[in-house]
Protein backbone atom coordinates (compact mmCIF):
# COMPACT_ATOMS: atom_id res chain seq x y z
CA MET A 1 9.54 -21.96 12.37
CA SER A 2 10.59 -18.34 12.65
CA ALA A 3 14.08 -17.19 13.51
CA ASP A 4 12.52 -15.55 16.54
CA GLY A 5 10.19 -18.32 17.59
CA ASP A 6 7.29 -20.45 16.45
CA VAL A 7 5.07 -19.11 13.71
CA PRO A 8 1.33 -19.82 14.04
CA ALA A 9 -0.50 -21.72 11.35
CA GLU A 10 -0.94 -19.54 8.28
CA PRO A 11 -4.39 -18.29 7.26
CA ALA A 12 -5.55 -18.90 3.72
CA LEU A 13 -3.24 -17.34 1.12
CA VAL A 14 -4.48 -14.19 -0.56
CA GLY A 15 -3.22 -13.11 -3.93
CA ASN A 16 -2.13 -13.65 -7.49
CA GLY A 17 -5.70 -13.95 -8.85
CA ASP A 18 -5.80 -14.54 -12.61
CA ARG A 19 -2.86 -12.34 -13.58
CA ARG A 20 0.36 -13.79 -14.89
CA LEU A 21 3.19 -12.41 -12.81
CA THR A 22 6.92 -12.86 -12.85
CA VAL A 23 7.43 -13.24 -9.13
CA ALA A 24 10.89 -13.02 -7.63
CA SER A 25 11.52 -16.30 -5.80
CA SER A 26 13.16 -14.39 -2.93
CA VAL A 27 10.01 -12.44 -2.01
CA PRO A 28 8.51 -13.98 1.15
CA PRO A 29 4.84 -14.04 2.14
CA LEU A 30 3.48 -11.57 4.68
CA VAL A 31 1.46 -13.39 7.34
CA ILE A 32 -0.93 -11.51 9.63
CA SER A 33 -2.21 -13.89 12.31
CA GLY A 34 -4.78 -12.96 14.95
CA VAL A 35 -3.57 -9.36 15.13
CA SER A 36 -5.32 -6.91 17.47
CA LYS A 37 -4.45 -3.39 18.55
CA ILE A 38 -6.03 -1.80 21.61
CA TYR A 39 -5.31 1.77 22.63
CA ALA A 40 -5.77 2.31 26.37
CA ASN A 41 -7.28 5.59 27.53
CA ARG A 42 -4.70 7.25 29.77
CA LEU A 43 -7.28 9.43 31.47
CA ARG A 44 -9.39 6.33 32.20
CA ARG A 45 -12.57 8.30 31.66
CA GLU A 46 -13.50 6.34 28.58
CA LYS A 47 -13.16 2.73 27.51
CA ALA A 48 -10.10 1.51 25.64
CA VAL A 49 -10.36 1.72 21.84
CA THR A 50 -9.96 -1.45 19.79
CA ALA A 51 -8.57 -0.25 16.46
CA VAL A 52 -7.84 -3.71 15.00
CA ASP A 53 -9.64 -6.82 16.19
CA ASP A 54 -8.33 -10.35 15.48
CA VAL A 55 -7.30 -9.80 11.85
CA SER A 56 -5.71 -12.66 9.90
CA PHE A 57 -4.66 -12.90 6.27
CA THR A 58 -1.60 -13.72 4.16
CA ILE A 59 -0.23 -11.87 1.14
CA ALA A 60 1.41 -14.33 -1.21
CA PRO A 61 4.70 -13.43 -2.93
CA GLY A 62 4.06 -11.00 -5.77
CA ALA A 63 0.37 -10.51 -4.90
CA ALA A 64 -1.53 -7.22 -4.77
CA VAL A 65 -4.12 -7.00 -2.01
CA ALA A 66 -6.43 -4.06 -1.37
CA LEU A 67 -7.44 -3.36 2.24
CA VAL A 68 -10.67 -1.38 1.97
CA GLY A 69 -12.69 0.42 4.61
CA ALA A 70 -14.03 3.79 5.71
CA SER A 71 -12.11 6.19 7.91
CA GLY A 72 -11.64 4.74 11.39
CA SER A 73 -11.88 1.12 10.22
CA GLY A 74 -8.32 0.33 11.34
CA LYS A 75 -6.57 0.32 7.95
CA SER A 76 -3.77 2.76 8.79
CA THR A 77 -3.23 1.20 12.21
CA LEU A 78 -2.70 -2.15 10.51
CA ALA A 79 -0.26 -0.52 8.06
CA LYS A 80 1.76 0.89 10.96
CA MET A 81 1.99 -2.54 12.58
CA ILE A 82 3.04 -4.20 9.32
CA THR A 83 5.86 -1.66 8.85
CA GLY A 84 6.97 -1.91 12.49
CA SER A 85 5.92 1.59 13.53
CA GLU A 86 3.40 0.16 16.00
CA ARG A 87 3.34 -3.14 17.86
CA PRO A 88 0.21 -5.28 18.07
CA THR A 89 -1.47 -5.86 21.40
CA ALA A 90 -2.01 -9.49 20.39
CA GLY A 91 -1.18 -11.74 17.46
CA SER A 92 1.84 -11.90 15.18
CA ILE A 93 3.12 -10.42 11.94
CA THR A 94 5.72 -12.43 10.03
CA PHE A 95 7.60 -11.57 6.86
CA GLY A 96 9.47 -14.65 5.78
CA ASP A 97 11.35 -15.76 8.88
CA LEU A 98 11.07 -12.38 10.62
CA ARG A 99 8.64 -11.62 13.43
CA VAL A 100 8.02 -7.95 12.71
CA GLU A 101 6.68 -7.04 16.16
CA ARG A 102 9.93 -8.28 17.75
CA LEU A 103 12.30 -6.23 15.59
CA ARG A 104 14.31 -3.44 17.20
CA ARG A 105 16.82 -0.82 16.02
CA ASN A 106 19.25 -2.31 13.47
CA ALA A 107 17.00 -5.27 12.70
CA LEU A 108 14.09 -2.91 12.13
CA ARG A 109 16.24 -0.70 9.92
CA ARG A 110 17.21 -3.72 7.79
CA PHE A 111 13.53 -4.67 7.61
CA HIS A 112 12.69 -1.21 6.26
CA SER A 113 15.06 -1.83 3.36
CA ARG A 114 12.75 -4.70 2.37
CA VAL A 115 9.38 -3.13 3.19
CA GLN A 116 8.61 0.43 2.15
CA ILE A 117 5.54 2.60 2.72
CA ILE A 118 3.99 5.18 0.40
CA PHE A 119 2.22 7.79 2.49
CA GLN A 120 -1.15 9.37 1.88
CA ASP A 121 0.00 12.99 1.70
CA PRO A 122 2.47 13.72 -1.13
CA TYR A 123 2.73 17.30 0.16
CA GLY A 124 3.90 16.26 3.62
CA ALA A 125 5.97 13.21 2.64
CA LEU A 126 8.84 15.24 1.16
CA ASN A 127 11.09 17.64 3.05
CA PRO A 128 10.51 21.07 1.46
CA LEU A 129 14.19 22.00 1.97
CA HIS A 130 15.62 19.01 0.10
CA THR A 131 15.73 18.50 -3.64
CA VAL A 132 14.05 15.58 -5.35
CA GLY A 133 17.46 14.09 -6.08
CA TYR A 134 18.43 14.17 -2.41
CA ALA A 135 15.14 12.59 -1.31
CA VAL A 136 15.50 9.65 -3.69
CA MET A 137 19.25 9.31 -3.14
CA ARG A 138 19.12 8.77 0.64
CA PRO A 139 17.67 5.23 0.55
CA CYS A 140 20.28 4.26 -2.07
CA GLU A 141 23.09 5.34 0.24
CA ASN A 142 21.55 4.19 3.53
CA PHE A 143 20.18 0.80 2.51
CA LEU A 144 22.23 -0.21 -0.54
CA GLY A 145 25.57 1.33 0.48
CA MET A 146 26.01 3.10 -2.85
CA SER A 147 28.61 5.76 -3.39
CA PRO A 148 27.33 9.28 -4.17
CA ARG A 149 28.14 8.77 -7.85
CA GLU A 150 26.31 5.43 -7.99
CA ALA A 151 23.38 6.87 -6.07
CA ARG A 152 23.02 9.81 -8.47
CA ARG A 153 22.96 7.44 -11.42
CA ARG A 154 20.34 5.36 -9.62
CA VAL A 155 18.24 8.47 -8.93
CA HIS A 156 18.17 9.38 -12.61
CA GLU A 157 17.14 5.82 -13.52
CA LEU A 158 14.32 5.85 -10.97
CA LEU A 159 12.99 9.26 -12.00
CA GLU A 160 12.94 8.17 -15.62
CA THR A 161 11.16 4.97 -14.61
CA VAL A 162 8.33 6.86 -12.88
CA GLY A 163 7.93 9.19 -15.85
CA LEU A 164 9.73 12.30 -14.58
CA THR A 165 11.87 13.24 -17.56
CA PRO A 166 14.35 14.67 -18.16
CA PRO A 167 15.57 13.23 -14.84
CA THR A 168 18.40 15.74 -14.39
CA GLN A 169 15.88 18.57 -14.45
CA TYR A 170 13.52 16.97 -11.93
CA ALA A 171 16.35 15.88 -9.61
CA ALA A 172 17.26 19.55 -9.09
CA LYS A 173 13.72 20.65 -8.23
CA LEU A 174 12.31 21.31 -4.78
CA PRO A 175 8.93 19.79 -3.80
CA HIS A 176 7.06 23.09 -4.11
CA GLN A 177 8.00 23.22 -7.78
CA LEU A 178 6.10 20.00 -8.51
CA SER A 179 2.42 19.19 -8.95
CA GLY A 180 0.68 16.77 -6.59
CA GLY A 181 0.91 13.93 -9.09
CA GLN A 182 4.61 14.60 -9.69
CA ARG A 183 5.29 14.62 -5.95
CA GLN A 184 3.60 11.26 -5.52
CA ARG A 185 5.73 9.87 -8.35
CA VAL A 186 8.80 11.07 -6.46
CA VAL A 187 7.51 9.30 -3.33
CA ILE A 188 7.06 6.11 -5.38
CA ALA A 189 10.59 6.45 -6.80
CA ARG A 190 11.95 6.85 -3.26
CA ALA A 191 10.06 3.74 -2.14
CA LEU A 192 11.51 1.74 -5.05
CA ALA A 193 15.05 3.01 -4.49
CA CYS A 194 16.14 0.17 -2.17
CA ASN A 195 14.52 -2.61 -4.23
CA PRO A 196 11.83 -3.50 -1.65
CA GLU A 197 10.01 -6.82 -1.60
CA LEU A 198 6.77 -5.36 -0.23
CA ILE A 199 5.22 -1.91 -0.66
CA VAL A 200 2.49 -0.69 1.68
CA ALA A 201 0.59 2.08 -0.10
CA ASP A 202 -1.56 3.92 2.45
CA GLU A 203 -4.23 5.90 0.56
CA PRO A 204 -1.62 7.02 -2.01
CA VAL A 205 -4.06 8.88 -4.29
CA SER A 206 -6.69 10.20 -1.87
CA MET A 207 -5.22 13.74 -1.90
CA LEU A 208 -4.74 13.91 -5.67
CA ASP A 209 -7.15 15.30 -8.23
CA VAL A 210 -9.45 12.65 -9.68
CA SER A 211 -7.90 13.21 -13.12
CA LEU A 212 -4.47 12.16 -11.78
CA ARG A 213 -5.38 9.12 -9.71
CA ALA A 214 -5.60 6.44 -12.40
CA GLY A 215 -2.13 7.31 -13.71
CA VAL A 216 -0.53 6.83 -10.29
CA LEU A 217 -2.45 3.59 -9.69
CA ARG A 218 -1.34 2.21 -13.05
CA LEU A 219 2.22 3.09 -12.14
CA LEU A 220 1.96 1.01 -8.95
CA ALA A 221 0.41 -1.89 -10.84
CA LYS A 222 3.14 -1.72 -13.48
CA PHE A 223 5.98 -1.89 -10.96
CA ARG A 224 4.34 -4.68 -9.02
CA GLU A 225 4.02 -6.82 -12.12
CA GLU A 226 7.44 -5.99 -13.60
CA ARG A 227 9.45 -6.31 -10.40
CA GLY A 228 7.55 -9.16 -8.77
CA LEU A 229 7.12 -7.30 -5.49
CA SER A 230 4.10 -7.64 -3.22
CA LEU A 231 1.68 -4.75 -2.70
CA LEU A 232 -0.73 -3.90 0.10
CA TYR A 233 -2.95 -1.12 -1.20
CA ILE A 234 -4.94 0.64 1.53
CA THR A 235 -7.96 2.67 0.46
CA HIS A 236 -11.56 3.61 1.11
CA ASP A 237 -12.29 3.56 -2.63
CA LEU A 238 -13.42 0.23 -4.04
CA LEU A 239 -13.17 1.52 -7.62
CA GLY A 240 -9.54 2.49 -7.12
CA ALA A 241 -8.85 -0.95 -5.63
CA ARG A 242 -9.91 -2.66 -8.84
CA VAL A 243 -7.08 -1.02 -10.79
CA VAL A 244 -4.23 -2.51 -8.76
CA SER A 245 -5.47 -5.49 -6.75
CA ASP A 246 -6.00 -9.19 -7.29
CA GLU A 247 -7.83 -9.53 -3.98
CA ILE A 248 -9.92 -7.26 -1.76
CA ILE A 249 -10.20 -7.42 2.03
CA VAL A 250 -12.97 -5.29 3.54
CA LEU A 251 -12.35 -3.98 7.05
CA ASN A 252 -15.10 -2.59 9.28
CA ARG A 253 -14.52 -1.43 12.85
CA GLY A 254 -11.23 -3.26 12.96
CA ARG A 255 -12.55 -6.63 11.78
CA ILE A 256 -12.49 -8.36 8.39
CA VAL A 257 -16.06 -8.66 7.13
CA GLU A 258 -15.34 -9.86 3.59
CA GLN A 259 -12.46 -10.97 1.42
CA GLY A 260 -12.07 -12.54 -1.99
CA ARG A 261 -10.96 -11.93 -5.54
CA THR A 262 -11.49 -8.37 -6.70
CA LYS A 263 -14.06 -9.19 -9.39
CA GLN A 264 -16.02 -11.45 -7.07
CA VAL A 265 -16.21 -8.89 -4.26
CA LEU A 266 -17.21 -6.05 -6.58
CA GLN A 267 -19.82 -7.95 -8.56
CA HIS A 268 -21.21 -10.21 -5.85
CA PRO A 269 -20.63 -8.65 -2.41
CA ARG A 270 -21.81 -10.80 0.50
CA ASP A 271 -21.56 -8.45 3.48
CA SER A 272 -23.95 -5.53 3.96
CA TYR A 273 -21.04 -3.19 4.74
CA THR A 274 -19.43 -3.97 1.38
CA VAL A 275 -22.75 -3.20 -0.28
CA GLU A 276 -22.81 0.16 1.54
CA LEU A 277 -19.35 0.99 0.24
CA LEU A 278 -20.41 0.10 -3.30
CA ASN A 279 -23.59 2.15 -3.00
CA ALA A 280 -21.46 5.14 -2.02
CA VAL A 281 -19.58 5.00 -5.33
CA ALA A 282 -20.44 8.01 -7.48
CA ASN A 283 -22.21 7.03 -10.69
CA PRO A 284 -22.82 9.84 -13.22
CA PHE A 285 -25.00 7.49 -15.28
CA ALA A 286 -27.28 6.47 -12.43
CA ALA A 287 -30.98 7.10 -12.61
CA ALA A 288 -32.71 9.49 -10.25
CA ASP A 289 -33.34 6.61 -7.85
CA GLY A 290 -29.62 6.55 -7.02
CA ALA A 291 -28.88 3.06 -8.38
CA ARG A 292 -25.27 2.03 -7.97
CA PRO A 293 -23.03 1.27 -10.97
CA SER A 294 -23.50 -2.04 -12.73
CA PRO A 295 -21.15 -4.93 -11.86
CA GLU A 296 -19.60 -4.64 -15.33
CA ALA A 297 -18.86 -0.94 -14.77
CA LEU A 298 -17.29 -1.66 -11.40
CA THR A 299 -14.76 -4.12 -12.81
CA ALA A 300 -14.05 -2.38 -16.11
CA ARG A 301 -10.57 -0.90 -16.44
CA PRO A 302 -10.55 2.92 -16.76
CA PRO A 303 -9.43 4.48 -20.06
CA ALA A 304 -5.92 5.76 -20.51
CA GLU A 305 -5.25 9.17 -19.03
CA PRO A 306 -2.60 11.84 -19.60
CA ALA A 307 0.65 11.67 -17.66
CA VAL A 308 0.64 13.37 -14.26
């Protein structure tokens, strides 16, 4: 039973796979039940657009789930509904005893202290007029009620945690003085500032150079495992999903077409759309016939890369 009303029966739990995690007992599951989002056409010249169609899944406490699909599949719309930026046309989203679609104002603000989003564009996610220290400090003051002195100490700890050292030097920088990978690390530090229980990462590496992506993904995986928080990783890249996720959910035209453990989905895909996504993966070792990477290559962990 939810604090705001009855909660529908939960779909099958997704998450935790084979990894050993230290999961904080206070982290609740995220339950998506029969969620749909339909955008009406105001001009009424075209049909309404169904962005998300009857989607149901549950992210267990401490789990990392990858939501995979091409552009226009409904991934970002679902992320907006999970974080309370959009409301579903039908269905429910519950986080512990909270019905997310019913939250307003102060309740929604408190919810955002528990659920943080990492945006796709590290260049647009930071105010160019504010220093790194200010950007990371604001959640500490707003959500945790820290004094300026406490918040500054917390900022330095967070910057050091995400590999931006010396922290005093990076805290004084403006966004334009950082590389793309460094900016995304600042965005991750800001998301971690209020000790969230769930992070929604919406295409967090799609605008970074290929050489920098694995480092940022490993950073997300590290924090998820060390802090016991849950992670919803949204991407169009199945290879990137393997680095951080225990489970993969494949979304096509707003509907779930396949879901399962990461290794199972990558090595033995059942749906033709999943096969298309795998066939689109670049393989420098493929023969001239365009064969896709082997199952072993798809699930192999990438080698260590330099810091970004």
